[in-house]
Amino acid sequence: MIKNDGENLIFSTIDHLGRTHKTKVGGSVFRRVLIANRGAIAARILKTLKDMEIEAAIIYSTADRDLPYIKEASVAYEIYGNFPRDTYLNQQRILEIIKESGSDAVHPGYGFLAENTEFARKVEKLGVTFIGPNSKWIDLMADKNRARQTMSKYTMPIGKGSSNLPDNDEEILAIADEIGYPVLIKPCNGGGGIGMQPVYNAENLIANVRKAKTAAEKYFSDNSVYLESYLENPRHIEIQIIADRHGNVVHLYERDCSIQRRHQKIIEESPAPNISREELNPILKQVTESIQSLGYDNIGTVELLRSESGQYSFLEMNTRLQVEHAVTEEVVNTDLIKAQIRSAYGETLQNILPEKLQQKGHSIEVRIYAEDPQTFYPSPGTLEKFRLPEAKNIRIETGFTEGNKISPFYDPMIAKIIVHTDSRDTAIEELVNYLQIVEITGLKTNIPFLIYALKSEEFKKGKVSTKLAEILVKRMKEEMKK
């Protein structure tokens, strides 16, 4: 129902529980946004929507029906089932809910459908705004190999690599010889480290290519893989960018995400330690100019590998909000989700961002997972005790509360803890102190490893790499045996 009060349109809807909601239309950005995600990111988006006085519609699976943030949404829709394909990847039902809820925009969060070209296009065809880049950019960057080829045209440094691998074994072996061992097998469409496999010699190549193809087909419905030169001990540096619909692009500095397990990040920080601004500024400029030349139009992250000699090479571009966006928000004092929403609405960066952006202080984020701290295997269960006390300089992001179950159906992340202080040394100290007072029972968590990693001499000195987590886990196990 629509009424006019003389100044604003008043839009009334009735949700699936029979509740009536009235919203004034005019003067704000979107009227109602559907959050097509779960857990910590769903709760985080909901917070910003509340701050912006935008109504939130939310979806949830049967397994997630007791999560606390669901009650805070204006309208909530259960998608019956538990497995991702039946719920958070169920495009048909989510598109129906977009129409049922009267949402005029969709925020996909990260994971699930956030980088799904087909879904973004279907949302656009409904006349609803997809809060992210245009679907053509998602399509381009989803194919990691095509993204590499495209970015090389815009002067981005690209390491040695192949196009999609042929089916002929001899041709594959010849391609690997030309690149030089070790090589890394990677799915053309995919993420989260799934299907990625380093290979050090020709004897193991073909078997591992077949294994990677099988994984790629299973998880991404596309068995295409390619090869790239494998760096043994790199750092993972990523550049946060934001663009608008008017051709403007700025960077929001860098993050170091080198502490990873199974190619997935667990500790992230900004600024990147032990890299000078003289080294970083040219790559920040180059990334910004490349993305602007491309014509990109919303939030995104360019991921790079930095060799031990200080050479950078393009890894991939994520066309979505990152899990680790909070450390950037802390050091530049900007709500990235709010900026993302306003950009999608059509505002210019000049109106969205502060007049002067600069890094202030140091921020570190750790991801608390329900998993064994030595094996990193998932450890689902019930949060019998879940105490994350408030503390100075500490930011907490979670989608759970005491008594909730950490389901085996989804990513086992329980919470993100973010610290922001004047210096890196202080940030490390305060984060360690905080993790030591966190109380979580009913399941295993990776907190012991997080504390061990933060207290390690390598991390404290900023001598980080993508191999460091593996080294620290091995050392921690050996020390526990003594």
Protein backbone atom coordinates (compact mmCIF):
# COMPACT_ATOMS: atom_id res chain seq x y z
CA MET A 1 0.00 0.00 0.00
CA ILE A 2 1.29 3.50 -0.86
CA LYS A 3 0.12 6.74 0.76
CA ASN A 4 1.31 10.33 0.43
CA ASP A 5 1.66 12.40 3.60
CA GLY A 6 2.37 15.58 1.65
CA GLU A 7 6.16 15.31 1.92
CA ASN A 8 7.01 11.65 1.57
CA LEU A 9 5.58 8.51 0.08
CA ILE A 10 4.71 5.97 2.77
CA PHE A 11 5.15 2.39 1.63
CA SER A 12 3.41 -0.34 3.66
CA THR A 13 4.18 -4.06 3.46
CA ILE A 14 3.02 -7.15 5.32
CA ASP A 15 5.65 -9.80 5.95
CA HIS A 16 5.29 -13.58 6.21
CA LEU A 17 4.47 -13.31 9.92
CA GLY A 18 1.63 -10.88 9.28
CA ARG A 19 3.56 -7.86 10.61
CA THR A 20 2.93 -4.51 8.92
CA HIS A 21 5.89 -2.24 8.20
CA LYS A 22 5.69 1.38 7.07
CA THR A 23 8.59 3.25 5.56
CA LYS A 24 8.92 6.77 4.27
CA VAL A 25 10.38 6.83 0.78
CA GLY A 26 12.46 9.80 -0.25
CA GLY A 27 15.52 11.40 1.21
CA SER A 28 17.33 8.16 2.03
CA VAL A 29 19.28 5.74 -0.13
CA PHE A 30 17.39 2.46 -0.48
CA ARG A 31 14.08 1.71 1.22
CA ARG A 32 14.74 -1.94 2.01
CA VAL A 33 17.80 -4.12 1.44
CA LEU A 34 17.79 -7.91 1.42
CA ILE A 35 20.83 -9.43 3.14
CA ALA A 36 21.57 -12.60 1.20
CA ASN A 37 24.00 -14.10 3.70
CA ARG A 38 24.44 -15.36 7.25
CA GLY A 39 26.54 -15.13 10.40
CA ALA A 40 28.95 -12.33 11.20
CA ILE A 41 28.62 -10.54 7.86
CA ALA A 42 24.82 -10.60 7.97
CA ALA A 43 24.92 -9.03 11.45
CA ARG A 44 27.51 -6.50 10.27
CA ILE A 45 25.46 -5.39 7.24
CA LEU A 46 22.37 -5.17 9.43
CA LYS A 47 24.17 -2.76 11.77
CA THR A 48 25.04 -0.39 8.94
CA LEU A 49 21.52 -0.54 7.50
CA LYS A 50 20.16 0.45 10.91
CA ASP A 51 22.62 3.34 11.08
CA MET A 52 21.43 4.47 7.64
CA GLU A 53 17.76 4.01 8.63
CA ILE A 54 17.24 1.48 5.85
CA GLU A 55 14.97 -1.50 6.48
CA ALA A 56 16.58 -4.93 6.36
CA ALA A 57 15.09 -8.11 5.00
CA ILE A 58 17.00 -11.26 5.81
CA ILE A 59 17.07 -14.91 4.83
CA TYR A 60 18.05 -17.82 7.04
CA SER A 61 18.30 -21.57 6.82
CA THR A 62 16.59 -24.02 9.15
CA ALA A 63 19.94 -24.60 10.90
CA ASP A 64 20.31 -20.85 11.48
CA ARG A 65 16.80 -20.03 12.73
CA ASP A 66 18.00 -19.27 16.29
CA LEU A 67 20.80 -16.86 15.37
CA PRO A 68 20.30 -13.57 17.25
CA TYR A 69 20.51 -11.02 14.43
CA ILE A 70 17.50 -12.53 12.62
CA LYS A 71 15.10 -10.96 15.14
CA GLU A 72 16.60 -7.53 14.47
CA ALA A 73 15.63 -7.49 10.79
CA SER A 74 12.45 -5.77 9.61
CA VAL A 75 11.40 -8.97 7.86
CA ALA A 76 12.92 -12.44 7.89
CA TYR A 77 12.36 -15.42 5.62
CA GLU A 78 13.29 -19.00 6.39
CA ILE A 79 14.57 -21.02 3.46
CA TYR A 80 13.84 -24.56 4.55
CA GLY A 81 16.85 -26.83 4.50
CA ASN A 82 20.42 -26.81 5.74
CA PHE A 83 22.82 -27.44 2.90
CA PRO A 84 24.11 -24.31 1.12
CA ARG A 85 22.73 -25.41 -2.26
CA ASP A 86 19.23 -25.57 -0.75
CA THR A 87 19.47 -22.32 1.20
CA TYR A 88 22.05 -19.56 0.73
CA LEU A 89 22.83 -20.73 -2.82
CA ASN A 90 19.18 -21.24 -3.72
CA GLN A 91 18.90 -18.52 -6.35
CA GLN A 92 15.29 -19.20 -7.30
CA ARG A 93 13.98 -18.90 -3.74
CA ILE A 94 16.13 -15.88 -2.94
CA LEU A 95 14.89 -14.08 -6.06
CA GLU A 96 11.31 -14.86 -5.01
CA ILE A 97 12.02 -13.42 -1.56
CA ILE A 98 13.46 -10.25 -3.11
CA LYS A 99 10.08 -9.69 -4.77
CA GLU A 100 8.02 -10.84 -1.77
CA SER A 101 9.90 -8.55 0.62
CA GLY A 102 9.66 -5.47 -1.58
CA SER A 103 13.43 -5.03 -1.40
CA ASP A 104 14.91 -2.54 -3.83
CA ALA A 105 18.51 -3.71 -3.27
CA VAL A 106 20.41 -6.87 -2.33
CA HIS A 107 23.63 -7.06 -0.33
CA PRO A 108 25.35 -10.40 -0.96
CA GLY A 109 28.03 -10.09 1.76
CA TYR A 110 30.94 -12.42 1.04
CA GLY A 111 30.95 -16.04 -0.04
CA PHE A 112 27.81 -17.82 -1.27
CA LEU A 113 26.39 -15.71 -4.15
CA ALA A 114 28.58 -12.62 -3.67
CA GLU A 115 30.63 -13.33 -6.80
CA ASN A 116 28.04 -15.25 -8.80
CA THR A 117 27.55 -13.56 -12.17
CA GLU A 118 24.30 -15.36 -12.91
CA PHE A 119 22.73 -14.24 -9.64
CA ALA A 120 23.87 -10.63 -10.04
CA ARG A 121 22.41 -10.52 -13.55
CA LYS A 122 19.09 -11.93 -12.37
CA VAL A 123 18.93 -9.32 -9.62
CA GLU A 124 19.66 -6.57 -12.15
CA LYS A 125 16.91 -7.92 -14.46
CA LEU A 126 14.42 -7.57 -11.60
CA GLY A 127 15.18 -3.86 -11.55
CA VAL A 128 16.75 -4.32 -8.12
CA THR A 129 20.20 -2.97 -7.24
CA PHE A 130 22.95 -5.50 -6.61
CA ILE A 131 25.17 -3.87 -3.98
CA GLY A 132 28.46 -4.65 -5.64
CA PRO A 133 29.96 -4.09 -9.06
CA ASN A 134 28.13 -4.53 -12.33
CA SER A 135 27.75 -8.21 -13.21
CA LYS A 136 30.17 -7.86 -16.13
CA TRP A 137 33.04 -7.18 -13.71
CA ILE A 138 32.06 -10.16 -11.56
CA ASP A 139 32.05 -12.30 -14.70
CA LEU A 140 35.46 -11.04 -15.79
CA MET A 141 37.22 -11.49 -12.47
CA ALA A 142 35.55 -14.82 -11.63
CA ASP A 143 37.70 -16.49 -14.28
CA LYS A 144 41.09 -16.15 -12.59
CA ASN A 145 43.00 -16.84 -15.78
CA ARG A 146 41.03 -14.32 -17.84
CA ALA A 147 41.45 -11.79 -15.02
CA ARG A 148 45.24 -12.24 -15.17
CA GLN A 149 45.26 -11.70 -18.92
CA THR A 150 43.04 -8.62 -18.62
CA MET A 151 45.01 -6.99 -15.81
CA SER A 152 48.28 -7.51 -17.70
CA LYS A 153 46.86 -5.22 -20.40
CA TYR A 154 46.49 -2.49 -17.76
CA THR A 155 50.17 -2.64 -16.72
CA MET A 156 49.59 -4.84 -13.64
CA PRO A 157 52.61 -7.08 -12.91
CA ILE A 158 51.70 -10.68 -13.71
CA GLY A 159 53.76 -13.75 -12.84
CA LYS A 160 54.38 -16.51 -15.35
CA GLY A 161 51.30 -18.59 -16.07
CA SER A 162 49.27 -20.48 -18.64
CA SER A 163 45.86 -20.23 -20.22
CA ASN A 164 43.26 -22.94 -19.45
CA LEU A 165 45.03 -26.28 -19.58
CA PRO A 166 44.31 -28.58 -22.51
CA ASP A 167 43.34 -32.24 -22.06
CA ASN A 168 46.54 -33.53 -23.64
CA ASP A 169 49.06 -34.66 -21.01
CA GLU A 170 52.12 -33.95 -23.16
CA GLU A 171 50.96 -30.40 -23.81
CA ILE A 172 50.41 -29.87 -20.07
CA LEU A 173 53.92 -31.09 -19.31
CA ALA A 174 55.37 -28.79 -21.97
CA ILE A 175 53.48 -25.80 -20.52
CA ALA A 176 54.84 -26.54 -17.04
CA ASP A 177 58.39 -26.86 -18.38
CA GLU A 178 58.07 -23.46 -20.03
CA ILE A 179 56.83 -21.81 -16.82
CA GLY A 180 59.42 -23.61 -14.68
CA TYR A 181 58.91 -25.65 -11.52
CA PRO A 182 57.48 -25.34 -8.97
CA VAL A 183 54.08 -24.54 -10.45
CA LEU A 184 50.72 -23.98 -8.81
CA ILE A 185 47.58 -25.59 -10.22
CA LYS A 186 44.54 -23.32 -9.78
CA PRO A 187 40.87 -23.57 -10.77
CA CYS A 188 39.88 -20.89 -13.28
CA ASN A 189 36.68 -20.27 -11.33
CA GLY A 190 36.85 -20.67 -7.60
CA GLY A 191 38.27 -19.50 -4.33
CA GLY A 192 39.00 -20.39 -0.73
CA GLY A 193 42.08 -22.38 -1.71
CA ILE A 194 39.94 -25.25 -3.03
CA GLY A 195 41.67 -27.20 -5.80
CA MET A 196 44.95 -25.31 -5.47
CA GLN A 197 47.98 -27.56 -5.49
CA PRO A 198 51.72 -26.82 -5.73
CA VAL A 199 53.73 -29.26 -7.83
CA TYR A 200 57.50 -29.50 -7.70
CA ASN A 201 58.30 -31.89 -10.53
CA ALA A 202 56.93 -33.38 -13.73
CA GLU A 203 56.39 -36.81 -12.17
CA ASN A 204 53.53 -35.52 -9.98
CA LEU A 205 52.01 -33.00 -12.37
CA ILE A 206 49.41 -34.94 -14.35
CA ALA A 207 47.96 -36.76 -11.32
CA ASN A 208 47.59 -33.46 -9.47
CA VAL A 209 46.03 -31.72 -12.48
CA ARG A 210 43.39 -34.46 -12.60
CA LYS A 211 42.82 -34.12 -8.85
CA ALA A 212 42.43 -30.34 -9.18
CA LYS A 213 40.02 -30.73 -12.10
CA THR A 214 37.86 -33.09 -10.04
CA ALA A 215 37.76 -30.65 -7.12
CA ALA A 216 37.00 -27.72 -9.42
CA GLU A 217 34.11 -29.58 -11.02
CA LYS A 218 32.71 -30.62 -7.64
CA TYR A 219 32.85 -27.23 -5.96
CA PHE A 220 32.57 -24.75 -8.85
CA SER A 221 30.80 -26.76 -11.60
CA ASP A 222 33.73 -26.00 -13.92
CA ASN A 223 36.77 -28.24 -14.22
CA SER A 224 38.95 -25.65 -15.97
CA VAL A 225 42.36 -25.20 -14.34
CA TYR A 226 45.55 -23.35 -15.23
CA LEU A 227 49.15 -23.17 -14.07
CA GLU A 228 51.11 -20.29 -12.62
CA SER A 229 54.58 -19.93 -11.22
CA TYR A 230 54.62 -20.90 -7.55
CA LEU A 231 56.35 -18.59 -5.09
CA GLU A 232 57.80 -20.55 -2.19
CA ASN A 233 57.70 -18.00 0.60
CA PRO A 234 55.66 -14.97 -0.46
CA ARG A 235 53.69 -12.40 1.45
CA HIS A 236 50.03 -11.89 0.63
CA ILE A 237 49.37 -8.18 0.18
CA GLU A 238 46.01 -6.86 -0.91
CA ILE A 239 44.82 -3.41 -1.90
CA GLN A 240 41.35 -2.22 -0.91
CA ILE A 241 39.74 -0.11 -3.59
CA ILE A 242 36.38 1.57 -3.92
CA ALA A 243 34.86 3.03 -7.06
CA ASP A 244 31.65 4.79 -8.00
CA ARG A 245 29.37 4.73 -11.05
CA HIS A 246 30.99 7.92 -12.37
CA GLY A 247 34.49 6.68 -13.19
CA ASN A 248 36.17 7.56 -9.89
CA VAL A 249 38.42 5.08 -8.05
CA VAL A 250 40.48 5.45 -4.88
CA HIS A 251 42.51 3.00 -2.83
CA LEU A 252 42.10 2.64 0.92
CA TYR A 253 45.65 1.39 1.43
CA GLU A 254 46.85 -2.17 1.93
CA ARG A 255 46.36 -5.18 4.16
CA ASP A 256 48.80 -7.96 4.91
CA CYS A 257 47.00 -11.32 4.95
CA SER A 258 49.97 -13.65 4.93
CA ILE A 259 48.99 -15.79 7.94
CA GLN A 260 46.89 -18.50 6.30
CA ARG A 261 45.93 -22.14 6.71
CA ARG A 262 44.93 -24.17 3.66
CA HIS A 263 45.19 -20.97 1.58
CA GLN A 264 42.61 -19.28 3.83
CA LYS A 265 43.44 -16.21 5.91
CA ILE A 266 43.28 -16.26 9.69
CA ILE A 267 45.18 -13.11 10.73
CA GLU A 268 45.09 -9.84 8.79
CA GLU A 269 46.52 -6.42 9.50
CA SER A 270 47.00 -2.90 8.21
CA PRO A 271 49.41 -1.26 7.54
CA ALA A 272 51.59 -4.07 6.19
CA PRO A 273 54.58 -4.46 8.53
CA ASN A 274 58.17 -4.03 7.37
CA ILE A 275 57.31 -2.62 3.95
CA SER A 276 58.16 1.03 3.40
CA ARG A 277 55.76 3.59 2.00
CA GLU A 278 58.36 4.21 -0.72
CA GLU A 279 57.84 0.62 -1.85
CA LEU A 280 54.06 0.51 -1.35
CA ASN A 281 53.01 3.87 -2.82
CA PRO A 282 53.92 2.99 -6.44
CA ILE A 283 51.98 -0.30 -6.31
CA LEU A 284 49.00 1.44 -4.69
CA LYS A 285 49.05 3.99 -7.51
CA GLN A 286 49.43 1.32 -10.17
CA VAL A 287 46.50 -0.73 -8.83
CA THR A 288 44.24 2.34 -8.61
CA GLU A 289 45.06 3.46 -12.14
CA SER A 290 44.56 -0.06 -13.55
CA ILE A 291 41.15 -0.45 -11.91
CA GLN A 292 40.11 3.02 -13.06
CA SER A 293 41.17 2.25 -16.65
CA LEU A 294 39.13 -0.92 -16.47
CA GLY A 295 35.98 1.04 -15.58
CA TYR A 296 35.22 -0.79 -12.34
CA ASP A 297 32.32 0.64 -10.32
CA ASN A 298 32.07 -0.52 -6.68
CA ILE A 299 34.09 -2.06 -3.87
CA GLY A 300 36.82 -4.58 -4.64
CA THR A 301 40.15 -5.95 -3.53
CA VAL A 302 43.23 -6.59 -5.65
CA GLU A 303 45.30 -9.41 -4.20
CA LEU A 304 49.04 -9.56 -4.85
CA LEU A 305 51.91 -11.82 -3.95
CA ARG A 306 55.14 -10.16 -2.85
CA SER A 307 58.33 -12.15 -3.33
CA GLU A 308 61.16 -12.11 -0.80
CA SER A 309 62.99 -9.73 -3.14
CA GLY A 310 60.10 -7.25 -3.06
CA GLN A 311 58.58 -8.00 -6.49
CA TYR A 312 54.77 -7.92 -6.77
CA SER A 313 52.55 -10.04 -9.01
CA PHE A 314 48.79 -9.95 -9.50
CA LEU A 315 46.99 -12.89 -7.87
CA GLU A 316 43.29 -12.14 -8.33
CA MET A 317 40.62 -9.53 -7.78
CA ASN A 318 37.72 -10.09 -5.41
CA THR A 319 34.62 -8.23 -6.59
CA ARG A 320 33.04 -8.08 -3.16
CA LEU A 321 33.52 -7.04 0.42
CA GLN A 322 36.32 -8.98 2.11
CA VAL A 323 36.06 -10.83 5.42
CA GLU A 324 38.95 -8.68 6.64
CA HIS A 325 37.44 -5.32 5.66
CA ALA A 326 37.30 -4.25 9.31
CA VAL A 327 41.03 -3.58 9.64
CA THR A 328 40.78 -1.09 6.78
CA GLU A 329 37.72 0.50 8.35
CA GLU A 330 39.66 0.99 11.56
CA VAL A 331 42.78 2.59 10.08
CA VAL A 332 40.94 4.92 7.66
CA ASN A 333 37.91 5.51 9.93
CA THR A 334 35.37 4.74 7.20
CA ASP A 335 32.38 2.38 7.14
CA LEU A 336 33.06 0.38 3.97
CA ILE A 337 29.60 -1.16 3.86
CA LYS A 338 28.00 2.26 4.03
CA ALA A 339 30.33 3.48 1.29
CA GLN A 340 29.53 0.40 -0.79
CA ILE A 341 25.79 0.99 -0.44
CA ARG A 342 26.02 4.66 -1.33
CA SER A 343 28.20 3.90 -4.34
CA ALA A 344 25.70 1.30 -5.57
CA TYR A 345 22.95 3.91 -5.18
CA GLY A 346 24.85 6.21 -7.54
CA GLU A 347 26.57 8.70 -5.26
CA THR A 348 30.06 9.96 -6.09
CA LEU A 349 33.13 9.15 -4.01
CA GLN A 350 33.49 12.86 -3.36
CA ASN A 351 30.25 12.71 -1.36
CA ILE A 352 30.86 9.27 0.12
CA LEU A 353 34.38 9.46 1.54
CA PRO A 354 36.11 11.87 3.92
CA GLU A 355 37.93 14.72 2.19
CA LYS A 356 41.30 13.42 3.37
CA LEU A 357 41.94 9.68 3.71
CA GLN A 358 44.98 8.45 5.58
CA GLN A 359 46.06 5.50 7.67
CA LYS A 360 46.05 6.11 11.39
CA GLY A 361 47.43 3.63 13.89
CA HIS A 362 47.58 -0.12 13.41
CA SER A 363 44.79 -2.69 13.22
CA ILE A 364 44.93 -6.49 13.43
CA GLU A 365 42.08 -8.95 12.95
CA VAL A 366 41.96 -12.59 13.99
CA ARG A 367 39.30 -15.06 12.91
CA ILE A 368 38.07 -17.40 15.63
CA TYR A 369 37.09 -20.72 14.08
CA ALA A 370 35.37 -23.76 15.53
CA GLU A 371 38.22 -26.06 14.64
CA ASP A 372 41.05 -28.07 16.13
CA PRO A 373 43.97 -25.67 16.73
CA GLN A 374 46.54 -28.26 15.61
CA THR A 375 44.87 -29.85 12.59
CA PHE A 376 42.54 -26.98 11.56
CA TYR A 377 39.77 -29.54 11.02
CA PRO A 378 36.25 -28.19 11.72
CA SER A 379 34.85 -28.80 15.20
CA PRO A 380 31.09 -28.13 15.07
CA GLY A 381 29.08 -28.12 18.27
CA THR A 382 27.11 -25.95 20.70
CA LEU A 383 28.44 -22.73 22.19
CA GLU A 384 27.80 -23.80 25.77
CA LYS A 385 29.72 -20.77 27.00
CA PHE A 386 30.39 -17.85 24.66
CA ARG A 387 31.85 -14.83 26.43
CA LEU A 388 33.43 -12.07 24.34
CA PRO A 389 33.74 -9.22 26.86
CA GLU A 390 33.78 -5.61 25.74
CA ALA A 391 37.22 -4.02 25.97
CA LYS A 392 38.97 -0.81 25.04
CA ASN A 393 40.32 -0.74 21.46
CA ILE A 394 38.63 -4.09 20.72
CA ARG A 395 35.91 -4.57 18.10
CA ILE A 396 33.87 -7.78 18.00
CA GLU A 397 31.97 -9.12 15.00
CA THR A 398 29.89 -12.27 15.33
CA GLY A 399 26.54 -13.66 14.33
CA PHE A 400 26.21 -15.99 17.31
CA THR A 401 25.30 -15.95 20.97
CA GLU A 402 25.57 -18.39 23.85
CA GLY A 403 23.61 -21.57 23.21
CA ASN A 404 23.79 -21.36 19.41
CA LYS A 405 25.07 -24.30 17.42
CA ILE A 406 28.00 -24.00 15.05
CA SER A 407 26.65 -26.01 12.17
CA PRO A 408 28.69 -28.46 10.08
CA PHE A 409 26.94 -27.15 6.98
CA TYR A 410 28.79 -23.84 6.70
CA ASP A 411 32.11 -22.12 7.27
CA PRO A 412 33.09 -22.66 10.94
CA MET A 413 34.02 -19.05 11.70
CA ILE A 414 32.53 -18.02 15.05
CA ALA A 415 33.75 -14.44 15.37
CA LYS A 416 36.27 -11.86 14.28
CA ILE A 417 38.19 -9.87 16.86
CA ILE A 418 39.72 -6.61 15.68
CA VAL A 419 42.10 -4.38 17.62
CA HIS A 420 43.07 -0.82 16.69
CA THR A 421 45.76 1.09 18.58
CA ASP A 422 48.52 3.62 17.94
CA SER A 423 51.23 1.04 17.20
CA ARG A 424 51.65 -2.53 16.01
CA ASP A 425 53.43 -3.65 19.18
CA THR A 426 50.58 -2.36 21.34
CA ALA A 427 47.99 -3.91 19.00
CA ILE A 428 49.64 -7.34 19.32
CA GLU A 429 49.87 -7.07 23.10
CA GLU A 430 46.26 -5.98 23.56
CA LEU A 431 44.93 -8.63 21.17
CA VAL A 432 46.83 -11.41 22.96
CA ASN A 433 45.56 -10.16 26.33
CA TYR A 434 42.01 -10.10 25.01
CA LEU A 435 42.10 -13.59 23.51
CA GLN A 436 43.32 -14.93 26.85
CA ILE A 437 40.09 -13.78 28.56
CA VAL A 438 37.70 -15.02 25.88
CA GLU A 439 35.60 -17.94 27.16
CA ILE A 440 34.26 -20.46 24.63
CA THR A 441 33.26 -23.98 25.66
CA GLY A 442 31.32 -26.80 24.00
CA LEU A 443 33.65 -27.10 21.03
CA LYS A 444 37.27 -26.65 20.05
CA THR A 445 38.54 -23.34 18.68
CA ASN A 446 41.74 -22.10 17.07
CA ILE A 447 42.33 -19.54 19.85
CA PRO A 448 45.40 -21.40 21.21
CA PHE A 449 47.02 -21.18 17.79
CA LEU A 450 46.07 -17.52 17.33
CA ILE A 451 47.73 -16.63 20.63
CA TYR A 452 50.78 -18.72 19.77
CA ALA A 453 51.10 -17.05 16.35
CA LEU A 454 50.70 -13.51 17.71
CA LYS A 455 53.34 -14.16 20.39
CA SER A 456 55.84 -15.72 17.99
CA GLU A 457 59.05 -13.82 17.33
CA GLU A 458 58.43 -14.02 13.59
CA PHE A 459 55.06 -12.31 13.83
CA LYS A 460 56.18 -9.74 16.40
CA LYS A 461 59.06 -8.75 14.12
CA GLY A 462 56.79 -8.64 11.06
CA LYS A 463 58.67 -11.47 9.37
CA VAL A 464 55.51 -13.03 7.94
CA SER A 465 54.81 -15.18 4.91
CA THR A 466 52.15 -17.57 3.66
CA LYS A 467 54.29 -20.43 5.03
CA LEU A 468 54.50 -19.07 8.58
CA ALA A 469 51.29 -20.67 9.89
CA GLU A 470 52.48 -24.09 8.76
CA ILE A 471 55.85 -23.55 10.49
CA LEU A 472 54.20 -22.36 13.70
CA VAL A 473 51.73 -25.25 13.86
CA LYS A 474 54.59 -27.74 13.55
CA ARG A 475 56.57 -25.94 16.25
CA MET A 476 53.56 -25.71 18.57
CA LYS A 477 52.96 -29.47 18.26
CA GLU A 478 56.59 -30.23 19.05
CA GLU A 479 56.55 -27.99 22.12
CA MET A 480 53.35 -29.63 23.38
CA LYS A 481 55.06 -33.04 23.26
CA LYS A 482 57.81 -31.90 25.63
